[in-house]
Amino acid sequence: MQLNRISGTIACGRNVVMNFLRLKMKILYLNGMKDGQKLWTREELILAVNLYCKLPFGKMHKSNPEIIKLAELIGRTPSSISFKLVNFASFDPTLRERGIKGASNASKLDKEIWNEFYNNWDVALIESEKLMAKVKKTTVEKLNDIDISDIPKEGLEKTRLVKTRVNQCIFRTIILATYNNKCCITGISNPELLIASHILPWSKDEKNRMNPMNGLALNALHDKAFEVGLITIDAATYKIRVSPSLNKKDAPDSIKQNFLDYDGREILLPGKFLPDRGFLKVHNDSRFNSWP
């Protein structure tokens, strides 16, 4: 009788231990962790998404200096940062469209933080910059090497101008990184000649001003041509379309070389954040000059 009670106690204890281990493994799974690792905090994940946005997709490896810097900043290993960035790639719909899945063990909190960015880029990106500046004990302007010496010293106008410059700087950093610092039409890679172009104009669509999928890396000439509708990028095929108004009998060789020769070519697609087809469709239909 006593032996039965002892056996029952042991069995009960074993069940408690097994249930505890199952619960522990479930918590680790939900947080994308292995046993022995510490939980990622919300702030750390925000900084990781910020970095994900600023790195070319093919450079998210542990030896990347930017990954090493973030690892030192938040007290994690470069490998863990790199692995977390690949986790975020699993949420990127433009990567899934191309059959790139990323890591499969992203946590519930990973997904939550990603959605905060994806659903409101304008707010999430600037807040992540403020957090990065706080961790580095500096200002957002200094963090992004923005000169504000020529703007008012105080007041609402200063706030507005600083925000605009910071946003434009962040957007440029993200778009150039997304396109691997190359013009998506010509492949030109001189940073001085590249512009982070908006598909939906900055002045017309406030909600998507900072959306990486509303951007294209273009050289200055094609940026202007895209802005005025002399070229567009087909929403269905990502191929370049040149306005018939440029295809004239007496068109100089420079028009042929810089525009007509690119007609029908596919753009150099980015590693992540493919240009939004809906945004391109708006440009195709409302801004592109399709008449001779």
Protein backbone atom coordinates (compact mmCIF):
# COMPACT_ATOMS: atom_id res chain seq x y z
CA MET A 1 0.00 0.00 0.00
CA GLN A 2 2.78 2.34 1.04
CA LEU A 3 4.75 1.30 -2.06
CA ASN A 4 1.79 2.24 -4.25
CA ARG A 5 1.62 5.67 -2.62
CA ILE A 6 5.34 6.19 -3.21
CA SER A 7 5.01 5.10 -6.83
CA GLY A 8 2.06 7.46 -7.27
CA THR A 9 4.03 10.32 -5.76
CA ILE A 10 6.95 9.66 -8.08
CA ALA A 11 4.64 9.48 -11.10
CA CYS A 12 2.94 12.71 -10.05
CA GLY A 13 6.30 14.39 -9.63
CA ARG A 14 7.42 13.13 -13.02
CA ASN A 15 4.25 14.57 -14.61
CA VAL A 16 4.87 17.94 -12.95
CA VAL A 17 8.43 17.99 -14.29
CA MET A 18 7.31 16.96 -17.78
CA ASN A 19 4.58 19.60 -17.82
CA PHE A 20 7.09 22.22 -16.70
CA LEU A 21 9.51 21.22 -19.46
CA ARG A 22 6.74 21.31 -22.06
CA LEU A 23 5.72 24.76 -20.88
CA LYS A 24 9.34 25.91 -20.97
CA MET A 25 9.83 24.60 -24.51
CA LYS A 26 6.61 26.27 -25.61
CA ILE A 27 7.76 29.60 -24.21
CA LEU A 28 11.13 29.19 -25.91
CA TYR A 29 9.42 28.30 -29.18
CA LEU A 30 7.09 31.31 -29.03
CA ASN A 31 10.07 33.55 -28.46
CA GLY A 32 12.23 31.96 -31.17
CA MET A 33 14.85 30.80 -28.69
CA LYS A 34 16.97 27.83 -27.77
CA ASP A 35 17.41 26.67 -24.20
CA GLY A 36 19.96 28.81 -22.36
CA GLN A 37 19.30 31.96 -24.39
CA LYS A 38 17.78 35.10 -22.91
CA LEU A 39 14.49 36.52 -24.10
CA TRP A 40 14.57 39.30 -26.68
CA THR A 41 13.05 42.52 -25.36
CA ARG A 42 10.66 44.69 -27.31
CA GLU A 43 13.30 47.44 -27.58
CA GLU A 44 15.92 45.03 -28.92
CA LEU A 45 13.53 43.77 -31.59
CA ILE A 46 12.68 47.32 -32.67
CA LEU A 47 16.39 48.05 -33.12
CA ALA A 48 16.78 44.79 -35.06
CA VAL A 49 13.97 45.69 -37.50
CA ASN A 50 15.54 49.12 -37.91
CA LEU A 51 18.78 47.42 -38.95
CA TYR A 52 16.94 44.93 -41.19
CA CYS A 53 15.56 47.88 -43.15
CA LYS A 54 18.99 49.44 -43.62
CA LEU A 55 20.98 46.42 -44.79
CA PRO A 56 21.04 44.86 -48.26
CA PHE A 57 19.40 41.45 -48.03
CA GLY A 58 22.60 39.62 -48.96
CA LYS A 59 24.63 41.29 -46.18
CA MET A 60 22.76 40.09 -43.11
CA HIS A 61 25.63 37.89 -41.94
CA LYS A 62 27.39 37.87 -38.59
CA SER A 63 30.60 39.42 -39.93
CA ASN A 64 28.83 42.55 -41.18
CA PRO A 65 30.25 45.53 -39.19
CA GLU A 66 26.77 46.99 -38.65
CA ILE A 67 25.54 43.72 -37.17
CA ILE A 68 28.60 43.56 -34.92
CA LYS A 69 27.95 47.14 -33.73
CA LEU A 70 24.34 46.39 -32.83
CA ALA A 71 25.37 43.18 -31.07
CA GLU A 72 27.83 45.11 -28.90
CA LEU A 73 25.26 47.81 -28.25
CA ILE A 74 22.57 45.49 -26.88
CA GLY A 75 24.79 42.79 -25.42
CA ARG A 76 24.11 39.98 -27.86
CA THR A 77 26.23 37.96 -30.27
CA PRO A 78 26.51 38.90 -33.96
CA SER A 79 25.17 35.43 -34.78
CA SER A 80 22.01 36.03 -32.77
CA ILE A 81 21.46 39.39 -34.50
CA SER A 82 21.98 37.85 -37.92
CA PHE A 83 19.60 35.01 -37.11
CA LYS A 84 16.94 37.46 -35.89
CA LEU A 85 17.18 39.47 -39.12
CA VAL A 86 16.55 36.28 -41.10
CA ASN A 87 13.54 35.66 -38.85
CA PHE A 88 12.13 39.02 -39.91
CA ALA A 89 12.66 38.09 -43.55
CA SER A 90 10.05 35.35 -43.07
CA PHE A 91 7.42 38.08 -42.61
CA ASP A 92 8.39 40.13 -45.69
CA PRO A 93 5.58 39.51 -48.22
CA THR A 94 7.74 40.60 -51.13
CA LEU A 95 10.26 37.88 -50.28
CA ARG A 96 7.51 35.28 -50.00
CA GLU A 97 6.31 36.38 -53.45
CA ARG A 98 9.73 35.36 -54.77
CA GLY A 99 9.75 32.07 -52.89
CA ILE A 100 12.20 33.23 -50.19
CA LYS A 101 10.87 32.11 -46.83
CA GLY A 102 13.51 33.18 -44.30
CA ALA A 103 13.79 31.36 -40.97
CA SER A 104 10.75 29.43 -39.74
CA ASN A 105 11.06 29.83 -35.97
CA ALA A 106 10.24 33.53 -35.55
CA SER A 107 8.42 34.34 -32.34
CA LYS A 108 5.03 35.85 -31.67
CA LEU A 109 6.72 39.06 -30.48
CA ASP A 110 8.86 39.13 -33.65
CA LYS A 111 5.66 39.13 -35.69
CA GLU A 112 4.06 41.77 -33.50
CA ILE A 113 6.98 44.18 -33.86
CA TRP A 114 7.22 43.54 -37.61
CA ASN A 115 3.51 44.37 -38.03
CA GLU A 116 3.96 47.63 -36.15
CA PHE A 117 6.47 48.68 -38.79
CA TYR A 118 4.63 47.20 -41.75
CA ASN A 119 1.32 48.84 -40.84
CA ASN A 120 2.74 52.27 -40.05
CA TRP A 121 6.20 52.86 -41.48
CA ASP A 122 6.08 56.62 -40.95
CA VAL A 123 5.67 56.33 -37.17
CA ALA A 124 7.58 53.11 -36.51
CA LEU A 125 10.77 54.10 -38.33
CA ILE A 126 11.17 57.47 -36.66
CA GLU A 127 10.42 55.93 -33.25
CA SER A 128 13.06 53.27 -33.88
CA GLU A 129 15.54 56.02 -34.78
CA LYS A 130 14.75 57.82 -31.53
CA LEU A 131 15.33 54.59 -29.62
CA MET A 132 18.64 54.02 -31.40
CA ALA A 133 19.71 57.58 -30.63
CA LYS A 134 18.77 57.10 -26.98
CA VAL A 135 20.76 53.87 -26.69
CA LYS A 136 23.76 55.55 -28.34
CA LYS A 137 23.31 58.65 -26.16
CA THR A 138 23.00 61.06 -29.07
CA THR A 139 20.30 62.80 -31.12
CA VAL A 140 18.47 61.54 -34.19
CA GLU A 141 19.97 64.38 -36.22
CA LYS A 142 23.54 63.51 -35.22
CA LEU A 143 22.85 59.81 -35.67
CA ASN A 144 22.00 60.48 -39.32
CA ASP A 145 24.64 63.22 -39.90
CA ILE A 146 21.96 65.82 -40.63
CA ASP A 147 23.02 69.48 -40.72
CA ILE A 148 20.36 71.64 -39.04
CA SER A 149 22.48 74.78 -38.71
CA ASP A 150 20.41 76.62 -41.33
CA ILE A 151 16.98 76.10 -39.76
CA PRO A 152 15.26 78.08 -36.97
CA LYS A 153 16.62 77.46 -33.47
CA GLU A 154 13.22 76.68 -31.96
CA GLY A 155 9.48 76.57 -32.57
CA LEU A 156 7.10 74.50 -34.70
CA GLU A 157 8.93 75.34 -37.93
CA LYS A 158 12.14 73.83 -36.54
CA THR A 159 10.28 70.68 -35.48
CA ARG A 160 8.70 70.33 -38.93
CA LEU A 161 11.94 70.88 -40.85
CA VAL A 162 13.97 68.55 -38.65
CA LYS A 163 11.36 65.80 -38.99
CA THR A 164 11.29 66.21 -42.77
CA ARG A 165 15.08 66.02 -43.10
CA VAL A 166 15.35 63.05 -40.76
CA ASN A 167 12.60 61.17 -42.60
CA GLN A 168 14.14 61.87 -46.00
CA CYS A 169 17.56 60.75 -44.78
CA ILE A 170 16.19 57.51 -43.30
CA PHE A 171 14.16 56.81 -46.45
CA ARG A 172 17.21 57.31 -48.64
CA THR A 173 19.32 54.99 -46.46
CA ILE A 174 16.67 52.27 -46.63
CA ILE A 175 15.97 52.55 -50.36
CA LEU A 176 19.63 52.58 -51.41
CA ALA A 177 20.33 49.58 -49.17
CA THR A 178 17.26 47.79 -50.55
CA TYR A 179 18.56 48.21 -54.11
CA ASN A 180 22.13 47.37 -53.10
CA ASN A 181 23.19 50.97 -53.80
CA LYS A 182 22.44 50.72 -57.52
CA CYS A 183 20.06 52.50 -59.87
CA CYS A 184 17.37 49.96 -60.68
CA ILE A 185 17.35 51.00 -64.36
CA THR A 186 20.99 51.55 -65.29
CA GLY A 187 22.93 49.87 -62.49
CA ILE A 188 24.83 53.10 -61.75
CA SER A 189 26.33 52.74 -58.29
CA ASN A 190 27.74 56.20 -57.58
CA PRO A 191 25.89 57.36 -54.43
CA GLU A 192 26.23 61.00 -55.47
CA LEU A 193 24.13 60.27 -58.57
CA LEU A 194 21.43 58.21 -56.86
CA ILE A 195 18.07 59.39 -55.56
CA ALA A 196 15.57 57.58 -53.38
CA SER A 197 12.52 58.18 -55.54
CA HIS A 198 8.93 57.89 -54.36
CA ILE A 199 6.45 56.02 -56.54
CA LEU A 200 3.53 57.83 -54.90
CA PRO A 201 4.80 61.40 -54.41
CA TRP A 202 5.94 62.54 -50.97
CA SER A 203 3.52 65.49 -51.16
CA LYS A 204 0.52 63.41 -52.22
CA ASP A 205 0.58 60.38 -49.92
CA GLU A 206 1.61 61.06 -46.32
CA LYS A 207 0.82 57.53 -45.12
CA ASN A 208 3.39 55.95 -47.46
CA ARG A 209 6.14 58.53 -47.29
CA MET A 210 8.42 56.15 -45.41
CA ASN A 211 7.14 52.88 -46.85
CA PRO A 212 10.15 51.06 -48.40
CA MET A 213 7.83 49.54 -51.02
CA ASN A 214 7.01 53.06 -52.19
CA GLY A 215 10.61 53.64 -53.19
CA LEU A 216 12.91 53.16 -56.16
CA ALA A 217 16.65 53.79 -56.41
CA LEU A 218 17.10 55.88 -59.55
CA ASN A 219 19.79 58.07 -61.00
CA ALA A 220 18.96 61.78 -61.17
CA LEU A 221 18.00 61.73 -64.88
CA HIS A 222 15.58 58.82 -64.62
CA ASP A 223 14.23 60.09 -61.32
CA LYS A 224 13.09 63.26 -63.09
CA ALA A 225 11.75 61.31 -66.07
CA PHE A 226 9.75 59.07 -63.68
CA GLU A 227 8.43 62.10 -61.81
CA VAL A 228 7.07 63.77 -64.94
CA GLY A 229 5.76 60.55 -66.48
CA LEU A 230 8.22 60.06 -69.34
CA ILE A 231 8.97 56.59 -68.00
CA THR A 232 7.17 54.16 -65.73
CA ILE A 233 7.63 50.64 -64.42
CA ASP A 234 4.92 48.20 -65.39
CA ALA A 235 3.07 47.00 -62.30
CA ALA A 236 2.59 43.48 -63.65
CA THR A 237 6.05 42.77 -65.05
CA TYR A 238 8.42 45.29 -63.41
CA LYS A 239 9.53 46.20 -66.94
CA ILE A 240 10.46 49.71 -67.96
CA ARG A 241 8.06 51.56 -70.25
CA VAL A 242 9.19 54.66 -72.10
CA SER A 243 6.71 57.28 -73.23
CA PRO A 244 6.06 57.30 -76.99
CA SER A 245 6.54 61.08 -76.79
CA LEU A 246 10.30 60.43 -76.61
CA ASN A 247 10.34 58.11 -79.60
CA LYS A 248 10.52 60.64 -82.40
CA LYS A 249 12.30 60.35 -85.73
CA ASP A 250 14.55 63.26 -84.96
CA ALA A 251 15.30 62.15 -81.39
CA PRO A 252 19.01 62.62 -80.58
CA ASP A 253 21.24 59.67 -79.77
CA SER A 254 21.22 60.69 -76.10
CA ILE A 255 17.46 60.00 -75.93
CA LYS A 256 17.96 56.62 -77.58
CA GLN A 257 20.83 55.65 -75.29
CA ASN A 258 19.32 56.91 -72.05
CA PHE A 259 15.67 56.00 -72.63
CA LEU A 260 14.63 54.07 -75.73
CA ASP A 261 17.28 51.37 -75.26
CA TYR A 262 15.79 50.56 -71.84
CA ASP A 263 12.22 50.21 -73.04
CA GLY A 264 10.90 46.72 -72.18
CA ARG A 265 13.78 45.77 -69.89
CA GLU A 266 13.09 44.50 -66.39
CA ILE A 267 14.42 46.68 -63.60
CA LEU A 268 17.13 45.39 -61.29
CA LEU A 269 14.88 43.97 -58.60
CA PRO A 270 15.81 44.56 -54.95
CA GLY A 271 16.63 41.76 -52.54
CA LYS A 272 13.72 42.78 -50.28
CA PHE A 273 10.88 45.29 -50.26
CA LEU A 274 9.82 44.87 -53.89
CA PRO A 275 8.08 47.98 -55.24
CA ASP A 276 4.38 47.77 -54.46
CA ARG A 277 2.39 46.76 -57.56
CA GLY A 278 -0.58 48.84 -56.47
CA PHE A 279 1.57 51.96 -56.21
CA LEU A 280 3.12 51.27 -59.62
CA LYS A 281 -0.35 50.77 -61.12
CA VAL A 282 -1.31 54.25 -59.94
CA HIS A 283 1.80 55.65 -61.63
CA ASN A 284 1.12 53.61 -64.79
CA ASP A 285 -2.43 54.93 -65.05
CA SER A 286 -2.27 58.49 -63.77
CA ARG A 287 1.26 59.82 -64.28
CA PHE A 288 2.74 57.98 -67.25
CA ASN A 289 2.51 59.85 -70.55
CA SER A 290 1.37 57.06 -72.85
CA TRP A 291 0.59 59.35 -75.80
CA PRO A 292 2.92 60.19 -78.71
